[in-house]
PDB file of all heavy atoms in Angstrom:
ATOM      1  N   PHE A   1     -27.343 127.642  40.354  1.00  0.00           N
ATOM      2  CA  PHE A   1     -26.790 128.932  39.964  1.00  0.00           C
ATOM      3  C   PHE A   1     -27.903 129.963  39.720  1.00  0.00           C
ATOM      4  O   PHE A   1     -27.808 131.125  40.123  1.00  0.00           O
ATOM      5  CB  PHE A   1     -25.932 128.769  38.705  1.00  0.00           C
ATOM      6  CG  PHE A   1     -25.401 130.065  38.152  1.00  0.00           C
ATOM      7  CD1 PHE A   1     -24.445 130.794  38.841  1.00  0.00           C
ATOM      8  CD2 PHE A   1     -25.856 130.554  36.941  1.00  0.00           C
ATOM      9  CE1 PHE A   1     -23.956 131.989  38.332  1.00  0.00           C
ATOM     10  CE2 PHE A   1     -25.374 131.746  36.424  1.00  0.00           C
ATOM     11  CZ  PHE A   1     -24.415 132.469  37.127  1.00  0.00           C
ATOM     12  N   ASP A   2     -28.979 129.520  39.054  1.00  0.00           N
ATOM     13  CA  ASP A   2     -30.077 130.435  38.724  1.00  0.00           C
ATOM     14  C   ASP A   2     -31.043 130.666  39.882  1.00  0.00           C
ATOM     15  O   ASP A   2     -31.798 131.634  39.877  1.00  0.00           O
ATOM     16  CB  ASP A   2     -30.869 129.892  37.534  1.00  0.00           C
ATOM     17  CG  ASP A   2     -30.183 130.174  36.207  1.00  0.00           C
ATOM     18  OD1 ASP A   2     -29.206 130.948  36.200  1.00  0.00           O
ATOM     19  OD2 ASP A   2     -30.616 129.614  35.182  1.00  0.00           O
ATOM     20  N   LEU A   3     -31.025 129.768  40.877  1.00  0.00           N
ATOM     21  CA  LEU A   3     -32.031 129.819  41.935  1.00  0.00           C
ATOM     22  C   LEU A   3     -32.021 131.146  42.693  1.00  0.00           C
ATOM     23  O   LEU A   3     -33.065 131.760  42.901  1.00  0.00           O
ATOM     24  CB  LEU A   3     -31.830 128.660  42.907  1.00  0.00           C
ATOM     25  CG  LEU A   3     -32.823 128.588  44.085  1.00  0.00           C
ATOM     26  CD1 LEU A   3     -34.252 128.489  43.575  1.00  0.00           C
ATOM     27  CD2 LEU A   3     -32.497 127.417  44.987  1.00  0.00           C
ATOM     28  N   ARG A   4     -30.832 131.591  43.092  1.00  0.00           N
ATOM     29  CA  ARG A   4     -30.765 132.845  43.873  1.00  0.00           C
ATOM     30  C   ARG A   4     -31.286 134.029  43.060  1.00  0.00           C
ATOM     31  O   ARG A   4     -31.964 134.913  43.594  1.00  0.00           O
ATOM     32  CB  ARG A   4     -29.324 133.094  44.316  1.00  0.00           C
ATOM     33  CG  ARG A   4     -28.800 132.080  45.303  1.00  0.00           C
ATOM     34  CD  ARG A   4     -27.427 132.475  45.818  1.00  0.00           C
ATOM     35  NE  ARG A   4     -26.876 131.474  46.706  1.00  0.00           N
ATOM     36  CZ  ARG A   4     -26.121 130.472  46.296  1.00  0.00           C
ATOM     37  NH1 ARG A   4     -25.833 130.346  45.013  1.00  0.00           N
ATOM     38  NH2 ARG A   4     -25.644 129.593  47.158  1.00  0.00           N
ATOM     39  N   GLU A   5     -30.966 134.043  41.767  1.00  0.00           N
ATOM     40  CA  GLU A   5     -31.427 135.134  40.918  1.00  0.00           C
ATOM     41  C   GLU A   5     -32.944 135.121  40.792  1.00  0.00           C
ATOM     42  O   GLU A   5     -33.594 136.168  40.831  1.00  0.00           O
ATOM     43  CB  GLU A   5     -30.783 135.021  39.537  1.00  0.00           C
ATOM     44  CG  GLU A   5     -31.123 136.163  38.583  1.00  0.00           C
ATOM     45  CD  GLU A   5     -30.568 137.504  39.019  1.00  0.00           C
ATOM     46  OE1 GLU A   5     -29.644 137.527  39.867  1.00  0.00           O
ATOM     47  OE2 GLU A   5     -31.053 138.537  38.524  1.00  0.00           O
ATOM     48  N   ARG A   6     -33.517 133.918  40.658  1.00  0.00           N
ATOM     49  CA  ARG A   6     -34.976 133.824  40.564  1.00  0.00           C
ATOM     50  C   ARG A   6     -35.639 134.286  41.858  1.00  0.00           C
ATOM     51  O   ARG A   6     -36.694 134.914  41.846  1.00  0.00           O
ATOM     52  CB  ARG A   6     -35.388 132.379  40.246  1.00  0.00           C
ATOM     53  CG  ARG A   6     -35.139 131.971  38.806  1.00  0.00           C
ATOM     54  CD  ARG A   6     -35.884 130.694  38.478  1.00  0.00           C
ATOM     55  NE  ARG A   6     -35.380 129.565  39.236  1.00  0.00           N
ATOM     56  CZ  ARG A   6     -34.417 128.754  38.795  1.00  0.00           C
ATOM     57  NH1 ARG A   6     -33.858 128.972  37.626  1.00  0.00           N
ATOM     58  NH2 ARG A   6     -34.014 127.736  39.522  1.00  0.00           N
ATOM     59  N   GLN A   7     -35.012 133.966  42.981  1.00  0.00           N
ATOM     60  CA  GLN A   7     -35.572 134.392  44.265  1.00  0.00           C
ATOM     61  C   GLN A   7     -35.566 135.910  44.396  1.00  0.00           C
ATOM     62  O   GLN A   7     -36.490 136.496  44.948  1.00  0.00           O
ATOM     63  CB  GLN A   7     -34.776 133.751  45.404  1.00  0.00           C
ATOM     64  CG  GLN A   7     -35.012 132.257  45.534  1.00  0.00           C
ATOM     65  CD  GLN A   7     -34.109 131.619  46.576  1.00  0.00           C
ATOM     66  OE1 GLN A   7     -32.981 132.047  46.774  1.00  0.00           O
ATOM     67  NE2 GLN A   7     -34.596 130.577  47.226  1.00  0.00           N
ATOM     68  N   LYS A   8     -34.530 136.551  43.872  1.00  0.00           N
ATOM     69  CA  LYS A   8     -34.458 138.009  43.916  1.00  0.00           C
ATOM     70  C   LYS A   8     -35.566 138.645  43.076  1.00  0.00           C
ATOM     71  O   LYS A   8     -36.103 139.692  43.412  1.00  0.00           O
ATOM     72  CB  LYS A   8     -33.093 138.485  43.413  1.00  0.00           C
ATOM     73  CG  LYS A   8     -31.934 138.178  44.353  1.00  0.00           C
ATOM     74  CD  LYS A   8     -30.628 138.673  43.749  1.00  0.00           C
ATOM     75  CE  LYS A   8     -29.452 138.317  44.654  1.00  0.00           C
ATOM     76  NZ  LYS A   8     -28.155 138.750  44.053  1.00  0.00           N
ATOM     77  N   ARG A   9     -35.852 138.000  41.935  1.00  0.00           N
ATOM     78  CA  ARG A   9     -36.861 138.564  41.037  1.00  0.00           C
ATOM     79  C   ARG A   9     -38.282 138.308  41.512  1.00  0.00           C
ATOM     80  O   ARG A   9     -39.222 138.929  41.027  1.00  0.00           O
ATOM     81  CB  ARG A   9     -36.697 137.974  39.629  1.00  0.00           C
ATOM     82  CG  ARG A   9     -35.409 138.375  38.936  1.00  0.00           C
ATOM     83  CD  ARG A   9     -35.529 138.137  37.437  1.00  0.00           C
ATOM     84  NE  ARG A   9     -35.882 136.755  37.131  1.00  0.00           N
ATOM     85  CZ  ARG A   9     -35.004 135.828  36.791  1.00  0.00           C
ATOM     86  NH1 ARG A   9     -33.712 136.121  36.737  1.00  0.00           N
ATOM     87  NH2 ARG A   9     -35.397 134.598  36.507  1.00  0.00           N
ATOM     88  N   GLU A  10     -38.415 137.358  42.440  1.00  0.00           N
ATOM     89  CA  GLU A  10     -39.747 137.014  42.924  1.00  0.00           C
ATOM     90  C   GLU A  10     -40.358 138.217  43.637  1.00  0.00           C
ATOM     91  O   GLU A  10     -39.857 138.680  44.659  1.00  0.00           O
ATOM     92  CB  GLU A  10     -39.660 135.823  43.874  1.00  0.00           C
ATOM     93  CG  GLU A  10     -40.987 135.157  44.147  1.00  0.00           C
ATOM     94  CD  GLU A  10     -41.483 134.385  42.937  1.00  0.00           C
ATOM     95  OE1 GLU A  10     -40.679 134.052  42.060  1.00  0.00           O
ATOM     96  OE2 GLU A  10     -42.690 134.119  42.892  1.00  0.00           O
ATOM     97  N   SER A  11     -41.424 138.751  43.116  1.00  0.00           N
ATOM     98  CA  SER A  11     -41.993 139.975  43.673  1.00  0.00           C
ATOM     99  C   SER A  11     -42.760 139.741  44.970  1.00  0.00           C
ATOM    100  O   SER A  11     -42.758 140.579  45.862  1.00  0.00           O
ATOM    101  CB  SER A  11     -42.924 140.635  42.646  1.00  0.00           C
ATOM    102  OG  SER A  11     -43.938 139.738  42.264  1.00  0.00           O
ATOM    103  N   GLY A  12     -43.423 138.616  45.076  1.00  0.00           N
ATOM    104  CA  GLY A  12     -44.190 138.327  46.284  1.00  0.00           C
ATOM    105  C   GLY A  12     -43.734 137.050  46.923  1.00  0.00           C
ATOM    106  O   GLY A  12     -43.079 136.226  46.295  1.00  0.00           O
ATOM    107  N   LYS A  13     -44.066 136.863  48.168  1.00  0.00           N
ATOM    108  CA  LYS A  13     -43.681 135.643  48.867  1.00  0.00           C
ATOM    109  C   LYS A  13     -44.568 134.493  48.418  1.00  0.00           C
ATOM    110  O   LYS A  13     -45.771 134.663  48.236  1.00  0.00           O
ATOM    111  CB  LYS A  13     -43.816 135.823  50.390  1.00  0.00           C
ATOM    112  CG  LYS A  13     -42.811 136.820  50.955  1.00  0.00           C
ATOM    113  CD  LYS A  13     -42.938 136.892  52.458  1.00  0.00           C
ATOM    114  CE  LYS A  13     -41.917 137.855  53.043  1.00  0.00           C
ATOM    115  NZ  LYS A  13     -42.043 137.943  54.508  1.00  0.00           N
ATOM    116  N   PRO A  14     -44.002 133.293  48.238  1.00  0.00           N
ATOM    117  CA  PRO A  14     -44.807 132.130  47.865  1.00  0.00           C
ATOM    118  C   PRO A  14     -45.830 131.807  48.949  1.00  0.00           C
ATOM    119  O   PRO A  14     -45.625 132.092  50.125  1.00  0.00           O
ATOM    120  CB  PRO A  14     -43.774 130.999  47.747  1.00  0.00           C
ATOM    121  CG  PRO A  14     -42.455 131.699  47.604  1.00  0.00           C
ATOM    122  CD  PRO A  14     -42.592 132.986  48.367  1.00  0.00           C
ATOM    123  N   ARG A  15     -46.931 131.246  48.513  1.00  0.00           N
ATOM    124  CA  ARG A  15     -47.986 130.884  49.456  1.00  0.00           C
ATOM    125  C   ARG A  15     -47.473 129.859  50.448  1.00  0.00           C
ATOM    126  O   ARG A  15     -46.883 128.851  50.086  1.00  0.00           O
ATOM    127  CB  ARG A  15     -49.172 130.288  48.686  1.00  0.00           C
ATOM    128  CG  ARG A  15     -50.302 129.804  49.573  1.00  0.00           C
ATOM    129  CD  ARG A  15     -51.464 129.333  48.708  1.00  0.00           C
ATOM    130  NE  ARG A  15     -51.048 128.288  47.794  1.00  0.00           N
ATOM    131  CZ  ARG A  15     -51.029 127.007  48.108  1.00  0.00           C
ATOM    132  NH1 ARG A  15     -51.380 126.618  49.324  1.00  0.00           N
ATOM    133  NH2 ARG A  15     -50.654 126.098  47.223  1.00  0.00           N
ATOM    134  N   ALA A  16     -47.686 130.108  51.736  1.00  0.00           N
ATOM    135  CA  ALA A  16     -47.244 129.178  52.776  1.00  0.00           C
ATOM    136  C   ALA A  16     -48.081 127.910  52.703  1.00  0.00           C
ATOM    137  O   ALA A  16     -49.302 127.954  52.560  1.00  0.00           O
ATOM    138  CB  ALA A  16     -47.378 129.824  54.153  1.00  0.00           C
ATOM    139  N   LEU A  17     -47.426 126.776  52.781  1.00  0.00           N
ATOM    140  CA  LEU A  17     -48.107 125.490  52.757  1.00  0.00           C
ATOM    141  C   LEU A  17     -48.252 124.951  54.174  1.00  0.00           C
ATOM    142  O   LEU A  17     -47.561 125.385  55.092  1.00  0.00           O
ATOM    143  CB  LEU A  17     -47.311 124.492  51.912  1.00  0.00           C
ATOM    144  CG  LEU A  17     -46.993 124.937  50.479  1.00  0.00           C
ATOM    145  CD1 LEU A  17     -46.173 123.857  49.797  1.00  0.00           C
ATOM    146  CD2 LEU A  17     -48.268 125.190  49.696  1.00  0.00           C
ATOM    147  N   LYS A  18     -49.118 123.994  54.332  1.00  0.00           N
ATOM    148  CA  LYS A  18     -49.243 123.344  55.630  1.00  0.00           C
ATOM    149  C   LYS A  18     -47.978 122.575  55.932  1.00  0.00           C
ATOM    150  O   LYS A  18     -47.302 122.079  55.044  1.00  0.00           O
ATOM    151  CB  LYS A  18     -50.449 122.403  55.633  1.00  0.00           C
ATOM    152  CG  LYS A  18     -51.791 123.123  55.577  1.00  0.00           C
ATOM    153  CD  LYS A  18     -52.914 122.127  55.648  1.00  0.00           C
ATOM    154  CE  LYS A  18     -54.263 122.839  55.620  1.00  0.00           C
ATOM    155  NZ  LYS A  18     -55.381 121.871  55.692  1.00  0.00           N
ATOM    156  N   SER A  19     -47.666 122.457  57.190  1.00  0.00           N
ATOM    157  CA  SER A  19     -46.457 121.745  57.594  1.00  0.00           C
ATOM    158  C   SER A  19     -46.453 120.322  57.072  1.00  0.00           C
ATOM    159  O   SER A  19     -47.427 119.597  57.187  1.00  0.00           O
ATOM    160  CB  SER A  19     -46.366 121.733  59.125  1.00  0.00           C
ATOM    161  OG  SER A  19     -45.425 120.798  59.558  1.00  0.00           O
ATOM    162  N   GLY A  20     -45.313 119.902  56.483  1.00  0.00           N
ATOM    163  CA  GLY A  20     -45.183 118.542  55.982  1.00  0.00           C
ATOM    164  C   GLY A  20     -45.312 117.529  57.109  1.00  0.00           C
ATOM    165  O   GLY A  20     -45.871 116.454  56.934  1.00  0.00           O
ATOM    166  N   ALA A  21     -44.800 117.858  58.294  1.00  0.00           N
ATOM    167  CA  ALA A  21     -44.894 116.945  59.438  1.00  0.00           C
ATOM    168  C   ALA A  21     -46.349 116.724  59.827  1.00  0.00           C
ATOM    169  O   ALA A  21     -46.760 115.616  60.164  1.00  0.00           O
ATOM    170  CB  ALA A  21     -44.105 117.513  60.612  1.00  0.00           C
ATOM    171  N   THR A  22     -47.151 117.805  59.775  1.00  0.00           N
ATOM    172  CA  THR A  22     -48.564 117.686  60.108  1.00  0.00           C
ATOM    173  C   THR A  22     -49.272 116.786  59.108  1.00  0.00           C
ATOM    174  O   THR A  22     -50.094 115.946  59.476  1.00  0.00           O
ATOM    175  CB  THR A  22     -49.225 119.078  60.109  1.00  0.00           C
ATOM    176  OG1 THR A  22     -48.558 119.897  61.069  1.00  0.00           O
ATOM    177  CG2 THR A  22     -50.705 118.969  60.460  1.00  0.00           C
ATOM    178  N   GLN A  23     -48.950 116.966  57.809  1.00  0.00           N
ATOM    179  CA  GLN A  23     -49.573 116.139  56.784  1.00  0.00           C
ATOM    180  C   GLN A  23     -49.242 114.670  56.997  1.00  0.00           C
ATOM    181  O   GLN A  23     -50.108 113.798  56.893  1.00  0.00           O
ATOM    182  CB  GLN A  23     -49.093 116.582  55.400  1.00  0.00           C
ATOM    183  CG  GLN A  23     -49.577 117.976  55.012  1.00  0.00           C
ATOM    184  CD  GLN A  23     -48.975 118.426  53.695  1.00  0.00           C
ATOM    185  OE1 GLN A  23     -48.049 117.811  53.183  1.00  0.00           O
ATOM    186  NE2 GLN A  23     -49.502 119.499  53.153  1.00  0.00           N
ATOM    187  N   LEU A  24     -47.982 114.372  57.309  1.00  0.00           N
ATOM    188  CA  LEU A  24     -47.574 112.985  57.504  1.00  0.00           C
ATOM    189  C   LEU A  24     -48.238 112.368  58.721  1.00  0.00           C
ATOM    190  O   LEU A  24     -48.649 111.210  58.721  1.00  0.00           O
ATOM    191  CB  LEU A  24     -46.057 112.894  57.636  1.00  0.00           C
ATOM    192  CG  LEU A  24     -45.262 113.111  56.349  1.00  0.00           C
ATOM    193  CD1 LEU A  24     -43.784 112.883  56.621  1.00  0.00           C
ATOM    194  CD2 LEU A  24     -45.733 112.193  55.251  1.00  0.00           C
ATOM    195  N   SER A  25     -48.331 113.132  59.800  1.00  0.00           N
ATOM    196  CA  SER A  25     -48.928 112.626  61.027  1.00  0.00           C
ATOM    197  C   SER A  25     -50.385 112.239  60.797  1.00  0.00           C
ATOM    198  O   SER A  25     -50.833 111.178  61.215  1.00  0.00           O
ATOM    199  CB  SER A  25     -48.829 113.688  62.126  1.00  0.00           C
ATOM    200  OG  SER A  25     -49.484 113.253  63.290  1.00  0.00           O
ATOM    201  N   LYS A  26     -51.120 113.104  60.087  1.00  0.00           N
ATOM    202  CA  LYS A  26     -52.521 112.815  59.820  1.00  0.00           C
ATOM    203  C   LYS A  26     -52.667 111.594  58.926  1.00  0.00           C
ATOM    204  O   LYS A  26     -53.546 110.763  59.130  1.00  0.00           O
ATOM    205  CB  LYS A  26     -53.187 114.033  59.167  1.00  0.00           C
ATOM    206  CG  LYS A  26     -53.361 115.213  60.112  1.00  0.00           C
ATOM    207  CD  LYS A  26     -54.056 116.366  59.412  1.00  0.00           C
ATOM    208  CE  LYS A  26     -54.264 117.547  60.362  1.00  0.00           C
ATOM    209  NZ  LYS A  26     -54.923 118.687  59.687  1.00  0.00           N
ATOM    210  N   ARG A  27     -51.802 111.505  57.932  1.00  0.00           N
ATOM    211  CA  ARG A  27     -51.902 110.385  56.995  1.00  0.00           C
ATOM    212  C   ARG A  27     -51.593 109.058  57.671  1.00  0.00           C
ATOM    213  O   ARG A  27     -52.221 108.035  57.397  1.00  0.00           O
ATOM    214  CB  ARG A  27     -50.963 110.608  55.801  1.00  0.00           C
ATOM    215  CG  ARG A  27     -50.985 109.461  54.806  1.00  0.00           C
ATOM    216  CD  ARG A  27     -50.371 109.853  53.498  1.00  0.00           C
ATOM    217  NE  ARG A  27     -51.161 110.874  52.873  1.00  0.00           N
ATOM    218  CZ  ARG A  27     -50.793 111.516  51.778  1.00  0.00           C
ATOM    219  NH1 ARG A  27     -49.646 111.238  51.210  1.00  0.00           N
ATOM    220  NH2 ARG A  27     -51.569 112.439  51.238  1.00  0.00           N
ATOM    221  N   ALA A  28     -50.598 109.067  58.556  1.00  0.00           N
ATOM    222  CA  ALA A  28     -50.240 107.827  59.251  1.00  0.00           C
ATOM    223  C   ALA A  28     -51.411 107.320  60.082  1.00  0.00           C
ATOM    224  O   ALA A  28     -51.675 106.123  60.141  1.00  0.00           O
ATOM    225  CB  ALA A  28     -49.017 108.061  60.131  1.00  0.00           C
ATOM    226  N   LYS A  29     -52.152 108.215  60.715  1.00  0.00           N
ATOM    227  CA  LYS A  29     -53.282 107.828  61.542  1.00  0.00           C
ATOM    228  C   LYS A  29     -54.426 107.263  60.702  1.00  0.00           C
ATOM    229  O   LYS A  29     -55.178 106.411  61.143  1.00  0.00           O
ATOM    230  CB  LYS A  29     -53.783 109.042  62.345  1.00  0.00           C
ATOM    231  CG  LYS A  29     -52.797 109.506  63.412  1.00  0.00           C
ATOM    232  CD  LYS A  29     -53.321 110.732  64.140  1.00  0.00           C
ATOM    233  CE  LYS A  29     -52.340 111.216  65.197  1.00  0.00           C
ATOM    234  NZ  LYS A  29     -52.826 112.419  65.896  1.00  0.00           N
ATOM    235  N   ARG A  30     -54.556 107.754  59.466  1.00  0.00           N
ATOM    236  CA  ARG A  30     -55.648 107.280  58.616  1.00  0.00           C
ATOM    237  C   ARG A  30     -55.336 105.959  57.934  1.00  0.00           C
ATOM    238  O   ARG A  30     -56.186 105.396  57.258  1.00  0.00           O
ATOM    239  CB  ARG A  30     -55.977 108.333  57.559  1.00  0.00           C
ATOM    240  CG  ARG A  30     -56.659 109.568  58.123  1.00  0.00           C
ATOM    241  CD  ARG A  30     -57.274 110.370  56.997  1.00  0.00           C
ATOM    242  NE  ARG A  30     -56.270 110.841  56.055  1.00  0.00           N
ATOM    243  CZ  ARG A  30     -55.716 112.027  56.109  1.00  0.00           C
ATOM    244  NH1 ARG A  30     -56.031 112.867  57.088  1.00  0.00           N
ATOM    245  NH2 ARG A  30     -54.814 112.393  55.208  1.00  0.00           N
ATOM    246  N   GLY A  31     -54.091 105.515  58.078  1.00  0.00           N
ATOM    247  CA  GLY A  31     -53.774 104.221  57.488  1.00  0.00           C
ATOM    248  C   GLY A  31     -52.928 104.299  56.251  1.00  0.00           C
ATOM    249  O   GLY A  31     -52.653 103.286  55.619  1.00  0.00           O
ATOM    250  N   GLY A  32     -52.478 105.483  55.859  1.00  0.00           N
ATOM    251  CA  GLY A  32     -51.494 105.599  54.785  1.00  0.00           C
ATOM    252  C   GLY A  32     -52.030 105.390  53.400  1.00  0.00           C
ATOM    253  O   GLY A  32     -52.501 106.305  52.762  1.00  0.00           O
ATOM    254  N   ARG A  33     -51.988 104.160  52.936  1.00  0.00           N
ATOM    255  CA  ARG A  33     -52.231 103.881  51.519  1.00  0.00           C
ATOM    256  C   ARG A  33     -53.646 104.249  51.094  1.00  0.00           C
ATOM    257  O   ARG A  33     -53.859 104.827  50.034  1.00  0.00           O
ATOM    258  CB  ARG A  33     -51.981 102.402  51.241  1.00  0.00           C
ATOM    259  CG  ARG A  33     -52.024 102.047  49.758  1.00  0.00           C
ATOM    260  CD  ARG A  33     -51.736 100.571  49.537  1.00  0.00           C
ATOM    261  NE  ARG A  33     -50.342 100.246  49.744  1.00  0.00           N
ATOM    262  CZ  ARG A  33     -49.873  99.516  50.729  1.00  0.00           C
ATOM    263  NH1 ARG A  33     -50.701  99.046  51.651  1.00  0.00           N
ATOM    264  NH2 ARG A  33     -48.584  99.249  50.836  1.00  0.00           N
ATOM    265  N   ALA A  34     -54.660 103.903  51.896  1.00  0.00           N
ATOM    266  CA  ALA A  34     -56.044 104.199  51.533  1.00  0.00           C
ATOM    267  C   ALA A  34     -56.268 105.702  51.436  1.00  0.00           C
ATOM    268  O   ALA A  34     -56.927 106.185  50.528  1.00  0.00           O
ATOM    269  CB  ALA A  34     -56.994 103.591  52.564  1.00  0.00           C
ATOM    270  N   ALA A  35     -55.690 106.440  52.383  1.00  0.00           N
ATOM    271  CA  ALA A  35     -55.854 107.891  52.373  1.00  0.00           C
ATOM    272  C   ALA A  35     -55.188 108.494  51.153  1.00  0.00           C
ATOM    273  O   ALA A  35     -55.681 109.454  50.571  1.00  0.00           O
ATOM    274  CB  ALA A  35     -55.258 108.491  53.656  1.00  0.00           C
ATOM    275  N   GLU A  36     -54.060 107.940  50.778  1.00  0.00           N
ATOM    276  CA  GLU A  36     -53.340 108.444  49.605  1.00  0.00           C
ATOM    277  C   GLU A  36     -54.200 108.333  48.358  1.00  0.00           C
ATOM    278  O   GLU A  36     -54.288 109.248  47.545  1.00  0.00           O
ATOM    279  CB  GLU A  36     -52.040 107.658  49.427  1.00  0.00           C
ATOM    280  CG  GLU A  36     -51.246 107.998  48.188  1.00  0.00           C
ATOM    281  CD  GLU A  36     -50.634 109.365  48.252  1.00  0.00           C
ATOM    282  OE1 GLU A  36     -50.498 109.912  49.352  1.00  0.00           O
ATOM    283  OE2 GLU A  36     -50.304 109.901  47.182  1.00  0.00           O
ATOM    284  N   LYS A  37     -54.876 107.172  48.178  1.00  0.00           N
ATOM    285  CA  LYS A  37     -55.685 106.972  46.990  1.00  0.00           C
ATOM    286  C   LYS A  37     -56.860 107.931  46.950  1.00  0.00           C
ATOM    287  O   LYS A  37     -57.256 108.420  45.900  1.00  0.00           O
ATOM    288  CB  LYS A  37     -56.184 105.523  46.960  1.00  0.00           C
ATOM    289  CG  LYS A  37     -55.056 104.513  46.722  1.00  0.00           C
ATOM    290  CD  LYS A  37     -55.592 103.094  46.697  1.00  0.00           C
ATOM    291  CE  LYS A  37     -54.468 102.100  46.453  1.00  0.00           C
ATOM    292  NZ  LYS A  37     -54.970 100.694  46.481  1.00  0.00           N
ATOM    293  N   LYS A  38     -57.451 108.199  48.116  1.00  0.00           N
ATOM    294  CA  LYS A  38     -58.596 109.097  48.160  1.00  0.00           C
ATOM    295  C   LYS A  38     -58.218 110.524  47.812  1.00  0.00           C
ATOM    296  O   LYS A  38     -59.009 111.270  47.260  1.00  0.00           O
ATOM    297  CB  LYS A  38     -59.227 109.069  49.555  1.00  0.00           C
ATOM    298  CG  LYS A  38     -59.909 107.753  49.888  1.00  0.00           C
ATOM    299  CD  LYS A  38     -60.492 107.809  51.283  1.00  0.00           C
ATOM    300  CE  LYS A  38     -61.164 106.488  51.648  1.00  0.00           C
ATOM    301  NZ  LYS A  38     -61.713 106.526  53.020  1.00  0.00           N
ATOM    302  N   GLN A  39     -56.976 110.925  48.136  1.00  0.00           N
ATOM    303  CA  GLN A  39     -56.592 112.316  47.962  1.00  0.00           C
ATOM    304  C   GLN A  39     -56.075 112.627  46.565  1.00  0.00           C
ATOM    305  O   GLN A  39     -55.883 113.770  46.208  1.00  0.00           O
ATOM    306  CB  GLN A  39     -55.509 112.689  48.976  1.00  0.00           C
ATOM    307  CG  GLN A  39     -56.033 112.700  50.394  1.00  0.00           C
ATOM    308  CD  GLN A  39     -54.966 113.082  51.376  1.00  0.00           C
ATOM    309  OE1 GLN A  39     -53.849 113.408  50.985  1.00  0.00           O
ATOM    310  NE2 GLN A  39     -55.284 113.045  52.640  1.00  0.00           N
ATOM    311  N   VAL A  40     -55.811 111.591  45.754  1.00  0.00           N
ATOM    312  CA  VAL A  40     -55.295 111.840  44.413  1.00  0.00           C
ATOM    313  C   VAL A  40     -56.377 112.487  43.562  1.00  0.00           C
ATOM    314  O   VAL A  40     -57.477 111.968  43.438  1.00  0.00           O
ATOM    315  CB  VAL A  40     -54.827 110.527  43.742  1.00  0.00           C
ATOM    316  CG1 VAL A  40     -54.479 110.760  42.284  1.00  0.00           C
ATOM    317  CG2 VAL A  40     -53.616 109.986  44.493  1.00  0.00           C
TER     318      VAL A  40
END
């Protein structure tokens, strides 16, 4: 209910993030679990 109102009040656009698909593709190639630990 509040989400639309908050979006209206948002003065600037949120910072664009890297594509989630791109992040997953890179992580899968690095082996998954090991890469996850390094990035924490």
